[in-house]
Amino acid sequence: MSGMLRKLIIQVTFVVGLGIFFYPIVSDWLSTKEHYSVITQHNEALAAMSEEMKENELQKAKEYNSEINENSIPYDDPFSENFQEEANGDYFNI
């Protein structure tokens, strides 16, 4: 009986070792697969957009970027006694 238990422990240890060894490889493969899927969806969405829509989105992005520069969010220590919670509404409503 103890020989059978020993074989089972060795087999379980081997399988766990394989899992630990192959985890980074499998994880990287799955992440890469997901990234390619997201890129493909983005490229398809861009291909479906007209030039006018692209220009409109570019203009909106430029306006938003200029507002960020003009109305920058103040840097305050949230743990200080003088902290006042001021939220820039446009920043949080992206």
N, C-alpha and C. Protein backbone atom coordinates (compact mmCIF):
# COMPACT_ATOMS: atom_id res chain seq x y z
N MET A 1 0.82 -1.19 0.00
CA MET A 1 0.00 0.00 0.00
C MET A 1 0.87 1.27 0.00
N SER A 2 1.96 1.24 0.78
CA SER A 2 2.82 2.43 0.86
C SER A 2 3.54 2.68 -0.47
N GLY A 3 3.83 1.62 -1.22
CA GLY A 3 4.46 1.79 -2.53
C GLY A 3 3.52 2.47 -3.50
N MET A 4 2.23 2.13 -3.41
CA MET A 4 1.23 2.75 -4.28
C MET A 4 1.04 4.22 -3.91
N LEU A 5 1.05 4.53 -2.61
CA LEU A 5 0.93 5.90 -2.14
C LEU A 5 2.14 6.73 -2.58
N ARG A 6 3.31 6.11 -2.52
CA ARG A 6 4.53 6.79 -2.94
C ARG A 6 4.48 7.13 -4.42
N LYS A 7 4.02 6.19 -5.25
CA LYS A 7 3.89 6.44 -6.69
C LYS A 7 2.90 7.56 -6.96
N LEU A 8 1.79 7.58 -6.20
CA LEU A 8 0.78 8.62 -6.38
C LEU A 8 1.35 9.99 -6.02
N ILE A 9 2.11 10.06 -4.94
CA ILE A 9 2.72 11.33 -4.54
C ILE A 9 3.71 11.80 -5.59
N ILE A 10 4.49 10.89 -6.14
CA ILE A 10 5.46 11.25 -7.19
C ILE A 10 4.73 11.76 -8.43
N GLN A 11 3.64 11.08 -8.81
CA GLN A 11 2.89 11.50 -9.99
C GLN A 11 2.25 12.87 -9.77
N VAL A 12 1.67 13.09 -8.61
CA VAL A 12 1.05 14.39 -8.32
C VAL A 12 2.11 15.48 -8.31
N THR A 13 3.25 15.22 -7.72
CA THR A 13 4.34 16.18 -7.70
C THR A 13 4.83 16.50 -9.11
N PHE A 14 4.92 15.49 -9.95
CA PHE A 14 5.33 15.69 -11.34
C PHE A 14 4.33 16.57 -12.09
N VAL A 15 3.03 16.28 -11.92
CA VAL A 15 2.00 17.07 -12.60
C VAL A 15 2.01 18.52 -12.10
N VAL A 16 2.15 18.73 -10.80
CA VAL A 16 2.22 20.09 -10.25
C VAL A 16 3.47 20.79 -10.79
N GLY A 17 4.58 20.09 -10.88
CA GLY A 17 5.80 20.68 -11.43
C GLY A 17 5.63 21.09 -12.88
N LEU A 18 4.97 20.23 -13.66
CA LEU A 18 4.70 20.59 -15.06
C LEU A 18 3.83 21.83 -15.14
N GLY A 19 2.82 21.88 -14.27
CA GLY A 19 1.94 23.05 -14.26
C GLY A 19 2.69 24.32 -13.95
N ILE A 20 3.58 24.25 -12.96
CA ILE A 20 4.38 25.42 -12.60
C ILE A 20 5.34 25.79 -13.73
N PHE A 21 5.92 24.80 -14.39
CA PHE A 21 6.85 25.06 -15.48
C PHE A 21 6.15 25.69 -16.68
N PHE A 22 4.98 25.16 -17.06
CA PHE A 22 4.30 25.63 -18.26
C PHE A 22 3.39 26.83 -18.04
N TYR A 23 3.15 27.24 -16.80
CA TYR A 23 2.26 28.37 -16.55
C TYR A 23 2.69 29.65 -17.29
N PRO A 24 3.94 30.09 -17.19
CA PRO A 24 4.32 31.33 -17.89
C PRO A 24 4.18 31.22 -19.41
N ILE A 25 4.47 30.06 -19.95
CA ILE A 25 4.38 29.87 -21.40
C ILE A 25 2.92 29.95 -21.85
N VAL A 26 2.06 29.25 -21.16
CA VAL A 26 0.63 29.25 -21.52
C VAL A 26 0.02 30.62 -21.27
N SER A 27 0.39 31.26 -20.17
CA SER A 27 -0.12 32.59 -19.86
C SER A 27 0.28 33.60 -20.93
N ASP A 28 1.53 33.55 -21.36
CA ASP A 28 2.00 34.46 -22.41
C ASP A 28 1.27 34.21 -23.72
N TRP A 29 1.06 32.96 -24.05
CA TRP A 29 0.36 32.61 -25.28
C TRP A 29 -1.08 33.13 -25.25
N LEU A 30 -1.78 32.95 -24.13
CA LEU A 30 -3.15 33.43 -24.02
C LEU A 30 -3.22 34.95 -24.07
N SER A 31 -2.28 35.62 -23.42
CA SER A 31 -2.25 37.08 -23.44
C SER A 31 -2.00 37.60 -24.86
N THR A 32 -1.06 37.00 -25.54
CA THR A 32 -0.76 37.40 -26.92
C THR A 32 -1.97 37.20 -27.82
N LYS A 33 -2.64 36.10 -27.65
CA LYS A 33 -3.85 35.81 -28.44
C LYS A 33 -4.91 36.89 -28.19
N GLU A 34 -5.10 37.27 -26.94
CA GLU A 34 -6.08 38.32 -26.60
C GLU A 34 -5.66 39.67 -27.17
N HIS A 35 -4.38 39.98 -27.10
CA HIS A 35 -3.89 41.26 -27.63
C HIS A 35 -4.12 41.35 -29.14
N TYR A 36 -3.84 40.27 -29.85
CA TYR A 36 -4.08 40.28 -31.29
C TYR A 36 -5.57 40.45 -31.59
N SER A 37 -6.41 39.87 -30.77
CA SER A 37 -7.86 40.01 -30.96
C SER A 37 -8.29 41.46 -30.78
N VAL A 38 -7.79 42.11 -29.76
CA VAL A 38 -8.14 43.52 -29.51
C VAL A 38 -7.63 44.40 -30.64
N ILE A 39 -6.42 44.16 -31.10
CA ILE A 39 -5.85 44.96 -32.19
C ILE A 39 -6.67 44.77 -33.47
N THR A 40 -7.07 43.54 -33.74
CA THR A 40 -7.87 43.26 -34.93
C THR A 40 -9.21 43.98 -34.86
N GLN A 41 -9.85 43.95 -33.70
CA GLN A 41 -11.13 44.65 -33.54
C GLN A 41 -10.96 46.15 -33.73
N HIS A 42 -9.88 46.70 -33.20
CA HIS A 42 -9.61 48.13 -33.35
C HIS A 42 -9.39 48.49 -34.82
N ASN A 43 -8.60 47.68 -35.51
CA ASN A 43 -8.34 47.95 -36.92
C ASN A 43 -9.61 47.84 -37.76
N GLU A 44 -10.47 46.89 -37.42
CA GLU A 44 -11.75 46.77 -38.14
C GLU A 44 -12.64 47.99 -37.88
N ALA A 45 -12.65 48.47 -36.65
CA ALA A 45 -13.44 49.67 -36.33
C ALA A 45 -12.90 50.89 -37.08
N LEU A 46 -11.58 51.00 -37.18
CA LEU A 46 -11.00 52.11 -37.93
C LEU A 46 -11.31 52.01 -39.41
N ALA A 47 -11.29 50.80 -39.95
CA ALA A 47 -11.58 50.63 -41.37
C ALA A 47 -13.04 50.98 -41.67
N ALA A 48 -13.92 50.78 -40.71
CA ALA A 48 -15.34 51.07 -40.92
C ALA A 48 -15.66 52.55 -40.79
N MET A 49 -14.74 53.32 -40.21
CA MET A 49 -14.98 54.76 -40.02
C MET A 49 -14.68 55.53 -41.31
N SER A 50 -15.48 56.53 -41.54
CA SER A 50 -15.21 57.41 -42.69
C SER A 50 -14.12 58.41 -42.29
N GLU A 51 -13.56 59.07 -43.29
CA GLU A 51 -12.53 60.07 -43.03
C GLU A 51 -13.11 61.21 -42.19
N GLU A 52 -14.35 61.55 -42.41
CA GLU A 52 -14.99 62.62 -41.64
C GLU A 52 -15.10 62.23 -40.16
N MET A 53 -15.46 60.98 -39.91
CA MET A 53 -15.56 60.51 -38.53
C MET A 53 -14.18 60.51 -37.86
N LYS A 54 -13.16 60.10 -38.62
CA LYS A 54 -11.80 60.10 -38.06
C LYS A 54 -11.34 61.51 -37.72
N GLU A 55 -11.62 62.46 -38.61
CA GLU A 55 -11.26 63.85 -38.36
C GLU A 55 -12.01 64.40 -37.15
N ASN A 56 -13.28 64.01 -37.01
CA ASN A 56 -14.08 64.45 -35.88
C ASN A 56 -13.49 63.92 -34.56
N GLU A 57 -13.12 62.65 -34.55
CA GLU A 57 -12.53 62.06 -33.35
C GLU A 57 -11.18 62.70 -33.04
N LEU A 58 -10.39 62.99 -34.07
CA LEU A 58 -9.11 63.64 -33.87
C LEU A 58 -9.30 65.03 -33.27
N GLN A 59 -10.28 65.76 -33.77
CA GLN A 59 -10.56 67.09 -33.26
C GLN A 59 -11.00 67.03 -31.79
N LYS A 60 -11.85 66.05 -31.46
CA LYS A 60 -12.29 65.89 -30.07
C LYS A 60 -11.10 65.57 -29.17
N ALA A 61 -10.19 64.75 -29.64
CA ALA A 61 -9.01 64.39 -28.85
C ALA A 61 -8.11 65.62 -28.63
N LYS A 62 -7.94 66.41 -29.68
CA LYS A 62 -7.12 67.62 -29.54
C LYS A 62 -7.75 68.61 -28.57
N GLU A 63 -9.07 68.76 -28.62
CA GLU A 63 -9.76 69.65 -27.68
C GLU A 63 -9.60 69.15 -26.25
N TYR A 64 -9.76 67.86 -26.06
CA TYR A 64 -9.62 67.29 -24.72
C TYR A 64 -8.20 67.48 -24.20
N ASN A 65 -7.21 67.25 -25.04
CA ASN A 65 -5.81 67.41 -24.63
C ASN A 65 -5.50 68.85 -24.26
N SER A 66 -6.05 69.81 -25.00
CA SER A 66 -5.80 71.21 -24.67
C SER A 66 -6.49 71.57 -23.36
N GLU A 67 -7.67 71.00 -23.08
CA GLU A 67 -8.35 71.25 -21.81
C GLU A 67 -7.55 70.68 -20.64
N ILE A 68 -6.92 69.55 -20.84
CA ILE A 68 -6.11 68.96 -19.78
C ILE A 68 -4.96 69.90 -19.43
N ASN A 69 -4.33 70.48 -20.44
CA ASN A 69 -3.22 71.40 -20.19
C ASN A 69 -3.69 72.67 -19.51
N GLU A 70 -4.88 73.16 -19.88
CA GLU A 70 -5.40 74.39 -19.30
C GLU A 70 -5.93 74.17 -17.89
N ASN A 71 -6.62 73.08 -17.68
CA ASN A 71 -7.27 72.81 -16.39
C ASN A 71 -6.64 71.59 -15.74
N SER A 72 -5.37 71.69 -15.45
CA SER A 72 -4.71 70.52 -14.89
C SER A 72 -5.26 70.22 -13.50
N ILE A 73 -5.21 68.97 -13.14
CA ILE A 73 -5.70 68.54 -11.85
C ILE A 73 -4.65 68.87 -10.80
N PRO A 74 -5.08 69.51 -9.70
CA PRO A 74 -4.09 69.86 -8.68
C PRO A 74 -3.55 68.61 -7.98
N TYR A 75 -2.28 68.66 -7.66
CA TYR A 75 -1.65 67.55 -6.97
C TYR A 75 -1.64 67.87 -5.47
N ASP A 76 -2.47 67.18 -4.73
CA ASP A 76 -2.53 67.35 -3.29
C ASP A 76 -2.32 66.00 -2.63
N ASP A 77 -1.76 66.05 -1.45
CA ASP A 77 -1.58 64.83 -0.67
C ASP A 77 -2.92 64.48 -0.02
N PRO A 78 -3.52 63.35 -0.38
CA PRO A 78 -4.84 63.02 0.18
C PRO A 78 -4.79 62.71 1.68
N PHE A 79 -3.60 62.55 2.23
CA PHE A 79 -3.47 62.23 3.65
C PHE A 79 -3.12 63.45 4.50
N SER A 80 -2.96 64.60 3.86
CA SER A 80 -2.63 65.79 4.63
C SER A 80 -3.89 66.34 5.29
N GLU A 81 -3.70 67.15 6.33
CA GLU A 81 -4.83 67.72 7.05
C GLU A 81 -5.52 68.81 6.24
N ASN A 82 -4.81 69.42 5.31
CA ASN A 82 -5.36 70.52 4.51
C ASN A 82 -5.95 70.06 3.19
N PHE A 83 -6.11 68.77 3.02
CA PHE A 83 -6.60 68.23 1.74
C PHE A 83 -8.06 68.63 1.52
N GLN A 84 -8.32 69.17 0.35
CA GLN A 84 -9.68 69.49 -0.07
C GLN A 84 -9.96 68.71 -1.33
N GLU A 85 -11.02 67.95 -1.30
CA GLU A 85 -11.31 67.09 -2.44
C GLU A 85 -11.96 67.92 -3.54
N GLU A 86 -11.18 68.20 -4.57
CA GLU A 86 -11.68 68.90 -5.74
C GLU A 86 -11.55 67.96 -6.92
N ALA A 87 -12.66 67.67 -7.55
CA ALA A 87 -12.61 66.77 -8.70
C ALA A 87 -12.89 67.57 -9.97
N ASN A 88 -12.08 67.34 -10.96
CA ASN A 88 -12.30 67.95 -12.26
C ASN A 88 -13.32 67.08 -12.97
N GLY A 89 -14.52 67.58 -13.15
CA GLY A 89 -15.61 66.79 -13.71
C GLY A 89 -15.33 66.24 -15.09
N ASP A 90 -14.66 67.04 -15.92
CA ASP A 90 -14.37 66.58 -17.27
C ASP A 90 -13.38 65.42 -17.27
N TYR A 91 -12.46 65.44 -16.32
CA TYR A 91 -11.46 64.38 -16.24
C TYR A 91 -12.11 63.04 -15.93
N PHE A 92 -13.07 63.03 -15.04
CA PHE A 92 -13.69 61.79 -14.61
C PHE A 92 -14.87 61.38 -15.50
N ASN A 93 -15.22 62.19 -16.48
CA ASN A 93 -16.33 61.86 -17.39
C ASN A 93 -15.82 61.60 -18.79
N ILE A 94 -14.76 60.87 -18.90
CA ILE A 94 -14.19 60.56 -20.21
C ILE A 94 -15.09 59.57 -20.90
